[in-house]
Amino acid sequence: MHTVEQMDTMEEMLSMLLDGAVETLDISPHLYQLAVDKYEEVGTWLAEHGTPDWRIYPQGSFRLGTVVRPNTPAGEYDIDLVCWLPIAKESTTQAELKERVGRMLHAFVRFKHHQGHGDGPASCVSTRRCWTLSYPDDGFHLDVLPTIPDADLPPTGILLTDKQLRLWQHSNPIGYATWFQQQSQLDRRLVEAKRHANVADVPDWQVRSTLQRAVQILKWHAMLYFADDTDHRPPSVLITTLAARAYLGESDLFSATRAVMDRMNAYVENRHGQFWVPNPAHEDENFADKWNEYPERRKAFLRWHNDLALLLDELVHLQHKGLPALAARMSESFTADAVQRSFQRLAERRTIQVKTGKLHMATGGLLTTTASGPRVPRHTFHGQHPHPRG
């Protein structure tokens, strides 16, 4: 005789819908490996033709495991690389540093073209702070950021060029990645899973933490929300930082995403009349600097934040109408085919469990659900942290 049991709460089902949908937006293993190969090829060239102590390493979404597939066929992945030269600030200028790395990259492009294999970058162009190597046939481009050590923040602090080539800018990608990983480890279930032998050999990027998934959901929604207004789309690092600061270890994806949305605005500081979201690995770097220069970007962020928060609330209130209604509402704000595929997988799972007697169905085709816990009050930009941390 089968034991009748409740499979999931509504929050767990919504989590499975969200997780299954966002999983389709992950970078594919093939593209991941291709990007790694290109990255290593560029890094080897710079090391061999610069000096052996030049270093190149990834930063941003690719390193953090929060890449979201572009929402258009023509969209490209943006993979950020740091090119670190061990020279003192006093011995170079920003213009000299950028030009020095640029010469090496242009030489690399010419070399690959002369080889004639067709696997090199199509172009190398100068952008605001970096050099961009474009691989249009492969659907991504590499942004190579010239940097030098920051003597005031050893051993991982770096200085990078400003677009006006006036003031050195501070950053610490390695320190930031370490901080983000620590925040992800607040999900104890992930920590335990990685201890099992059958998971140990799987690359970290294939084992997503709840925080990584929540960040992907926020970035996915923002990508679609600002599809026709990319100038006002919040930077990925801003969304990631606010979400990671607001994350308190929830293992349920839907609950975690909702809680992060409720808390994240409280982590925007007001420093002498300036909006400030500091880099957790370098307090002098402000991820909200553009809000002070372009106030309309902050207003756009607030509109987006409110839209996603309302959507998550609506999904809770729609639970009595069944999973099809939930999937339909999610499809209005996310990629419809991804949501539908996720819904189909969840429906198939439920069908199997009903047949094996492991699932008790309630009226209306939903499972018996538990009530949501008390909501965390939403905060505006007062700079007060609701949950102090050590």
Protein backbone atom coordinates (compact mmCIF):
# COMPACT_ATOMS: atom_id res chain seq x y z
CA MET A 1 0.00 0.00 0.00
CA HIS A 2 1.38 3.39 -1.00
CA THR A 3 1.75 6.10 1.58
CA VAL A 4 -0.20 9.22 0.69
CA GLU A 5 1.95 12.28 1.23
CA GLN A 6 1.94 15.94 0.37
CA MET A 7 4.62 16.48 -2.28
CA ASP A 8 5.10 20.20 -2.22
CA THR A 9 3.91 23.43 -0.76
CA MET A 10 2.85 26.12 -3.19
CA GLU A 11 6.13 27.93 -2.62
CA GLU A 12 8.02 24.76 -3.58
CA MET A 13 5.98 24.33 -6.74
CA LEU A 14 6.55 27.94 -7.72
CA SER A 15 10.23 27.40 -7.01
CA MET A 16 10.27 24.40 -9.34
CA LEU A 17 8.54 26.40 -12.06
CA LEU A 18 11.01 29.26 -11.72
CA ASP A 19 14.03 27.00 -11.43
CA GLY A 20 13.04 24.89 -14.42
CA ALA A 21 12.39 27.99 -16.50
CA VAL A 22 15.61 29.80 -15.63
CA GLU A 23 17.56 26.57 -16.14
CA THR A 24 16.80 26.86 -19.86
CA LEU A 25 18.63 30.20 -19.84
CA ASP A 26 21.88 28.73 -18.54
CA ILE A 27 24.93 28.87 -20.74
CA SER A 28 25.25 25.52 -22.51
CA PRO A 29 28.16 23.20 -21.66
CA HIS A 30 29.36 23.53 -25.26
CA LEU A 31 29.38 27.33 -25.20
CA TYR A 32 30.88 27.36 -21.73
CA GLN A 33 33.78 25.21 -22.87
CA LEU A 34 34.17 27.22 -26.07
CA ALA A 35 34.38 30.43 -24.06
CA VAL A 36 36.93 28.86 -21.71
CA ASP A 37 39.03 27.78 -24.68
CA LYS A 38 38.97 31.29 -26.20
CA TYR A 39 39.71 32.85 -22.84
CA GLU A 40 42.72 30.58 -22.33
CA GLU A 41 43.94 31.25 -25.86
CA VAL A 42 43.84 35.02 -25.34
CA GLY A 43 45.43 34.70 -21.90
CA THR A 44 48.27 32.54 -23.23
CA TRP A 45 48.96 35.03 -26.02
CA LEU A 46 49.12 37.96 -23.60
CA ALA A 47 51.39 36.05 -21.21
CA GLU A 48 53.75 34.92 -23.96
CA HIS A 49 53.94 38.25 -25.80
CA GLY A 50 53.72 40.57 -22.83
CA THR A 51 55.73 39.28 -19.92
CA PRO A 52 55.33 35.97 -18.08
CA ASP A 53 53.97 37.71 -15.00
CA TRP A 54 50.97 39.22 -16.79
CA ARG A 55 47.81 37.59 -15.50
CA ILE A 56 44.36 37.19 -17.03
CA TYR A 57 41.30 35.97 -15.13
CA PRO A 58 37.50 36.10 -15.50
CA GLN A 59 35.21 38.45 -13.63
CA GLY A 60 31.50 39.20 -13.61
CA SER A 61 28.58 36.88 -14.39
CA PHE A 62 30.71 34.23 -16.06
CA ARG A 63 32.83 33.83 -12.95
CA LEU A 64 29.85 34.06 -10.58
CA GLY A 65 27.73 31.51 -12.42
CA THR A 66 24.87 33.95 -13.03
CA VAL A 67 24.98 34.26 -16.83
CA VAL A 68 21.56 34.58 -18.48
CA ARG A 69 21.10 33.65 -22.12
CA PRO A 70 20.24 36.68 -24.33
CA ASN A 71 16.56 37.05 -25.15
CA THR A 72 17.13 37.43 -28.89
CA PRO A 73 18.81 35.09 -31.38
CA ALA A 74 21.23 37.87 -32.29
CA GLY A 75 22.12 38.57 -28.66
CA GLU A 76 25.62 37.81 -27.44
CA TYR A 77 27.08 36.63 -24.17
CA ASP A 78 29.38 39.16 -22.57
CA ILE A 79 32.37 37.51 -20.89
CA ASP A 80 34.59 39.84 -18.87
CA LEU A 81 38.31 39.23 -18.44
CA VAL A 82 40.84 41.13 -16.35
CA CYS A 83 44.31 41.66 -17.81
CA TRP A 84 46.59 42.43 -14.85
CA LEU A 85 50.02 44.00 -15.39
CA PRO A 86 52.36 44.08 -12.36
CA ILE A 87 53.45 47.68 -12.73
CA ALA A 88 53.18 50.61 -10.33
CA LYS A 89 50.68 53.41 -10.89
CA GLU A 90 53.51 55.94 -10.88
CA SER A 91 55.25 54.26 -13.82
CA THR A 92 52.41 54.47 -16.35
CA THR A 93 49.35 56.44 -17.37
CA GLN A 94 45.88 55.15 -18.06
CA ALA A 95 46.26 55.88 -21.78
CA GLU A 96 49.60 54.04 -21.93
CA LEU A 97 48.18 51.03 -20.08
CA LYS A 98 45.18 50.67 -22.34
CA GLU A 99 47.23 51.20 -25.48
CA ARG A 100 49.81 48.63 -24.39
CA VAL A 101 47.21 45.91 -23.92
CA GLY A 102 45.42 47.00 -27.10
CA ARG A 103 48.55 46.54 -29.21
CA MET A 104 48.88 42.98 -27.95
CA LEU A 105 45.24 42.18 -28.69
CA HIS A 106 45.38 43.68 -32.20
CA ALA A 107 48.47 41.58 -32.88
CA PHE A 108 46.56 38.51 -31.67
CA VAL A 109 43.67 39.26 -34.07
CA ARG A 110 46.09 39.66 -37.00
CA PHE A 111 47.84 36.41 -36.10
CA LYS A 112 44.55 34.48 -35.99
CA HIS A 113 43.42 35.95 -39.31
CA HIS A 114 46.70 35.02 -40.96
CA GLN A 115 46.30 31.47 -39.72
CA GLY A 116 43.11 31.27 -41.73
CA HIS A 117 41.32 28.78 -39.48
CA GLY A 118 38.37 31.09 -38.91
CA ASP A 119 38.32 30.52 -35.15
CA GLY A 120 39.75 33.87 -34.11
CA PRO A 121 37.97 37.07 -33.12
CA ALA A 122 36.36 39.05 -35.90
CA SER A 123 37.51 42.35 -34.47
CA CYS A 124 39.12 44.16 -31.54
CA VAL A 125 37.63 47.55 -30.64
CA SER A 126 38.18 50.00 -27.82
CA THR A 127 35.20 50.58 -25.53
CA ARG A 128 34.66 52.62 -22.37
CA ARG A 129 37.14 50.82 -20.10
CA CYS A 130 38.22 47.76 -22.03
CA TRP A 131 39.01 46.12 -25.36
CA THR A 132 36.29 43.96 -26.91
CA LEU A 133 37.15 40.85 -28.92
CA SER A 134 34.09 39.83 -30.91
CA TYR A 135 33.23 36.22 -31.84
CA PRO A 136 29.91 36.71 -33.70
CA ASP A 137 29.81 33.18 -35.13
CA ASP A 138 30.05 31.77 -31.61
CA GLY A 139 27.55 34.19 -30.08
CA PHE A 140 29.74 35.92 -27.52
CA HIS A 141 32.45 38.51 -27.07
CA LEU A 142 35.31 38.90 -24.63
CA ASP A 143 35.81 42.21 -22.84
CA VAL A 144 39.45 42.51 -21.79
CA LEU A 145 39.98 45.04 -19.00
CA PRO A 146 43.54 46.43 -18.60
CA THR A 147 44.44 46.81 -14.92
CA ILE A 148 47.35 47.28 -12.52
CA PRO A 149 47.71 46.49 -8.78
CA ASP A 150 46.05 48.73 -6.23
CA ALA A 151 48.80 49.28 -3.65
CA ASP A 152 46.20 50.35 -1.08
CA LEU A 153 44.27 47.06 -1.27
CA PRO A 154 46.66 44.13 -1.58
CA PRO A 155 46.71 41.42 -2.71
CA THR A 156 43.66 41.42 -5.05
CA GLY A 157 42.69 45.09 -5.39
CA ILE A 158 43.12 46.55 -8.87
CA LEU A 159 43.13 49.94 -10.58
CA LEU A 160 41.46 50.38 -13.95
CA THR A 161 41.17 53.15 -16.47
CA ASP A 162 38.43 55.75 -16.43
CA LYS A 163 36.67 56.62 -19.68
CA GLN A 164 38.05 60.18 -19.45
CA LEU A 165 41.50 58.77 -18.61
CA ARG A 166 41.71 61.07 -15.58
CA LEU A 167 41.21 59.26 -12.29
CA TRP A 168 42.16 55.65 -11.65
CA GLN A 169 39.11 53.55 -10.77
CA HIS A 170 39.16 50.99 -7.95
CA SER A 171 37.90 47.43 -8.08
CA ASN A 172 38.48 43.94 -6.69
CA PRO A 173 36.88 41.19 -8.86
CA ILE A 174 38.59 38.34 -7.01
CA GLY A 175 37.49 39.67 -3.63
CA TYR A 176 33.96 40.23 -4.95
CA ALA A 177 33.71 36.68 -6.28
CA THR A 178 34.87 35.33 -2.92
CA TRP A 179 32.23 37.42 -1.12
CA PHE A 180 29.47 36.28 -3.50
CA GLN A 181 30.48 32.64 -3.03
CA GLN A 182 30.29 33.09 0.74
CA GLN A 183 26.79 34.55 0.40
CA SER A 184 25.78 31.58 -1.77
CA GLN A 185 27.02 29.18 0.91
CA LEU A 186 24.36 30.51 3.28
CA ASP A 187 22.20 27.90 1.55
CA ARG A 188 23.24 24.95 3.72
CA ARG A 189 21.63 22.43 1.36
CA LEU A 190 24.12 23.39 -1.34
CA VAL A 191 27.00 23.03 1.08
CA GLU A 192 25.87 19.53 2.02
CA ALA A 193 25.26 18.53 -1.61
CA LYS A 194 28.78 19.46 -2.62
CA ARG A 195 30.15 17.11 0.02
CA HIS A 196 28.74 14.05 -1.75
CA ALA A 197 31.15 12.17 -3.97
CA ASN A 198 28.79 12.12 -6.94
CA VAL A 199 28.69 15.94 -6.96
CA ALA A 200 32.34 16.63 -6.18
CA ASP A 201 33.56 16.31 -9.76
CA VAL A 202 30.82 18.52 -11.24
CA PRO A 203 32.08 22.07 -11.99
CA ASP A 204 30.73 24.68 -9.60
CA TRP A 205 28.92 26.47 -12.41
CA GLN A 206 26.73 23.38 -12.93
CA VAL A 207 25.66 23.28 -9.26
CA ARG A 208 23.59 26.43 -8.86
CA SER A 209 22.96 27.83 -5.42
CA THR A 210 19.64 29.38 -4.51
CA LEU A 211 21.29 32.80 -4.61
CA GLN A 212 22.71 32.21 -8.09
CA ARG A 213 19.27 31.17 -9.35
CA ALA A 214 17.58 34.15 -7.67
CA VAL A 215 20.07 36.53 -9.30
CA GLN A 216 19.43 34.89 -12.67
CA ILE A 217 15.68 35.39 -12.22
CA LEU A 218 16.14 39.08 -11.40
CA LYS A 219 18.50 39.58 -14.35
CA TRP A 220 16.18 37.66 -16.67
CA HIS A 221 13.18 39.80 -15.72
CA ALA A 222 15.24 43.01 -16.07
CA MET A 223 16.54 41.92 -19.48
CA LEU A 224 12.98 41.49 -20.75
CA TYR A 225 11.55 44.51 -18.93
CA PHE A 226 14.17 46.80 -20.49
CA ALA A 227 14.33 45.05 -23.86
CA ASP A 228 13.39 48.29 -25.63
CA ASP A 229 15.21 50.61 -23.24
CA THR A 230 18.63 49.08 -22.64
CA ASP A 231 20.15 52.42 -21.60
CA HIS A 232 18.09 52.32 -18.41
CA ARG A 233 18.56 48.64 -17.62
CA PRO A 234 20.23 48.24 -14.21
CA PRO A 235 23.81 46.96 -14.43
CA SER A 236 24.18 43.27 -13.71
CA VAL A 237 26.63 43.95 -10.88
CA LEU A 238 24.15 46.31 -9.18
CA ILE A 239 21.35 43.72 -9.21
CA THR A 240 23.75 40.98 -8.13
CA THR A 241 25.19 42.97 -5.22
CA LEU A 242 21.84 44.11 -3.83
CA ALA A 243 20.42 40.60 -4.15
CA ALA A 244 23.42 38.99 -2.47
CA ARG A 245 23.35 41.48 0.40
CA ALA A 246 19.62 40.86 0.90
CA TYR A 247 19.92 37.07 0.78
CA LEU A 248 19.75 35.41 4.20
CA GLY A 249 20.12 31.75 3.29
CA GLU A 250 16.61 30.80 2.17
CA SER A 251 16.81 27.45 0.35
CA ASP A 252 13.39 27.69 -1.33
CA LEU A 253 13.89 29.63 -4.57
CA PHE A 254 10.54 31.39 -4.73
CA SER A 255 10.65 32.44 -1.07
CA ALA A 256 14.27 33.55 -1.47
CA THR A 257 13.49 35.65 -4.56
CA ARG A 258 10.53 37.27 -2.84
CA ALA A 259 12.50 38.01 0.32
CA VAL A 260 15.43 39.42 -1.67
CA MET A 261 13.08 41.78 -3.49
CA ASP A 262 11.62 42.93 -0.18
CA ARG A 263 15.00 43.65 1.40
CA MET A 264 17.31 44.77 -1.39
CA ASN A 265 16.41 48.47 -1.49
CA ALA A 266 17.49 48.84 2.12
CA TYR A 267 21.07 48.23 1.03
CA VAL A 268 21.24 51.39 -1.06
CA GLU A 269 23.11 53.95 1.04
CA ASN A 270 22.94 57.72 1.02
CA ARG A 271 26.42 59.17 1.40
CA HIS A 272 26.33 62.95 1.62
CA GLY A 273 23.39 63.15 -0.75
CA GLN A 274 24.79 60.57 -3.18
CA PHE A 275 23.24 57.15 -3.78
CA TRP A 276 25.82 54.50 -3.03
CA VAL A 277 25.96 50.72 -3.39
CA PRO A 278 29.53 49.87 -2.40
CA ASN A 279 31.49 46.99 -3.80
CA PRO A 280 31.65 44.62 -0.80
CA ALA A 281 35.28 43.94 -1.69
CA HIS A 282 36.22 47.61 -2.15
CA GLU A 283 34.23 50.33 -0.43
CA ASP A 284 35.53 53.03 -2.79
CA GLU A 285 33.77 51.50 -5.81
CA ASN A 286 30.14 52.62 -6.14
CA PHE A 287 27.89 50.41 -8.26
CA ALA A 288 25.12 53.03 -8.19
CA ASP A 289 27.29 55.90 -9.43
CA LYS A 290 25.21 56.39 -12.57
CA TRP A 291 22.10 57.09 -10.49
CA ASN A 292 23.73 60.30 -9.29
CA GLU A 293 24.66 61.32 -12.82
CA TYR A 294 21.40 60.16 -14.45
CA PRO A 295 18.50 60.29 -11.91
CA GLU A 296 16.15 58.74 -14.48
CA ARG A 297 18.07 55.47 -14.20
CA ARG A 298 17.21 55.18 -10.51
CA LYS A 299 13.56 55.86 -11.31
CA ALA A 300 13.67 53.14 -13.96
CA PHE A 301 15.17 50.75 -11.40
CA LEU A 302 12.34 51.48 -8.96
CA ARG A 303 9.70 50.87 -11.66
CA TRP A 304 11.32 47.55 -12.56
CA HIS A 305 11.64 46.55 -8.92
CA ASN A 306 7.98 47.33 -8.27
CA ASP A 307 6.86 45.41 -11.36
CA LEU A 308 8.70 42.23 -10.36
CA ALA A 309 7.62 42.50 -6.71
CA LEU A 310 3.98 42.79 -7.78
CA LEU A 311 4.36 39.79 -10.07
CA LEU A 312 5.66 37.62 -7.23
CA ASP A 313 2.75 38.74 -5.05
CA GLU A 314 0.27 37.93 -7.82
CA LEU A 315 1.64 34.41 -8.16
CA VAL A 316 0.90 33.78 -4.48
CA HIS A 317 -2.66 35.03 -4.85
CA LEU A 318 -3.19 32.93 -8.01
CA GLN A 319 -2.40 29.66 -6.29
CA HIS A 320 -6.06 28.67 -5.89
CA LYS A 321 -6.53 28.84 -9.69
CA GLY A 322 -4.08 26.05 -10.40
CA LEU A 323 -0.72 25.61 -12.08
CA PRO A 324 -1.90 26.50 -15.62
CA ALA A 325 -2.96 29.94 -14.37
CA LEU A 326 0.38 30.37 -12.62
CA ALA A 327 2.31 29.38 -15.73
CA ALA A 328 0.22 31.71 -17.89
CA ARG A 329 0.90 34.66 -15.59
CA MET A 330 4.62 33.90 -15.43
CA SER A 331 4.71 33.71 -19.22
CA GLU A 332 3.52 37.32 -19.42
CA SER A 333 6.64 38.58 -17.64
CA PHE A 334 9.21 35.94 -18.56
CA THR A 335 10.06 33.99 -21.71
CA ALA A 336 6.88 32.06 -22.49
CA ASP A 337 8.50 28.99 -24.04
CA ALA A 338 10.87 28.58 -21.07
CA VAL A 339 7.97 28.79 -18.60
CA GLN A 340 5.86 26.36 -20.62
CA ARG A 341 8.67 23.81 -20.82
CA SER A 342 9.16 24.09 -17.08
CA PHE A 343 5.42 23.70 -16.50
CA GLN A 344 5.30 20.59 -18.68
CA ARG A 345 8.16 18.99 -16.77
CA LEU A 346 6.46 19.72 -13.45
CA ALA A 347 3.14 18.35 -14.77
CA GLU A 348 4.87 15.16 -15.92
CA ARG A 349 6.45 14.74 -12.50
CA ARG A 350 3.09 15.17 -10.79
CA THR A 351 1.43 12.68 -13.14
CA ILE A 352 4.02 10.05 -12.30
CA GLN A 353 3.58 10.62 -8.58
CA VAL A 354 -0.19 10.45 -8.81
CA LYS A 355 0.09 7.09 -10.63
CA THR A 356 2.43 5.72 -7.98
CA GLY A 357 0.17 6.92 -5.17
CA LYS A 358 2.73 9.32 -3.78
CA LEU A 359 0.78 12.51 -4.39
CA HIS A 360 -2.47 13.63 -2.81
CA MET A 361 -4.42 16.00 -5.04
CA ALA A 362 -6.59 18.71 -3.54
CA THR A 363 -9.65 20.41 -5.00
CA GLY A 364 -8.90 22.37 -8.15
CA GLY A 365 -5.86 20.30 -9.12
CA LEU A 366 -3.53 21.85 -6.55
CA LEU A 367 -1.77 20.31 -3.62
CA THR A 368 -2.68 21.14 -0.08
CA THR A 369 -0.61 24.24 0.58
CA THR A 370 0.86 25.92 3.59
CA ALA A 371 0.34 29.60 4.19
CA SER A 372 3.19 31.97 3.43
CA GLY A 373 5.12 33.30 6.39
CA PRO A 374 4.99 36.95 7.36
CA ARG A 375 6.27 39.26 4.69
CA VAL A 376 9.39 41.30 5.20
CA PRO A 377 8.31 44.94 4.85
CA ARG A 378 9.61 46.52 1.69
CA HIS A 379 12.13 49.30 2.14
CA THR A 380 12.88 52.41 0.17
CA PHE A 381 16.21 54.17 -0.12
CA HIS A 382 16.82 55.19 3.48
CA GLY A 383 20.17 53.46 3.80
CA GLN A 384 19.05 51.41 6.81
CA HIS A 385 20.01 47.74 6.86
CA PRO A 386 17.19 45.66 8.34
CA HIS A 387 19.45 42.74 9.14
CA PRO A 388 22.90 43.80 10.37
CA ARG A 389 25.66 41.36 9.62
CA GLY A 390 28.86 40.52 11.31
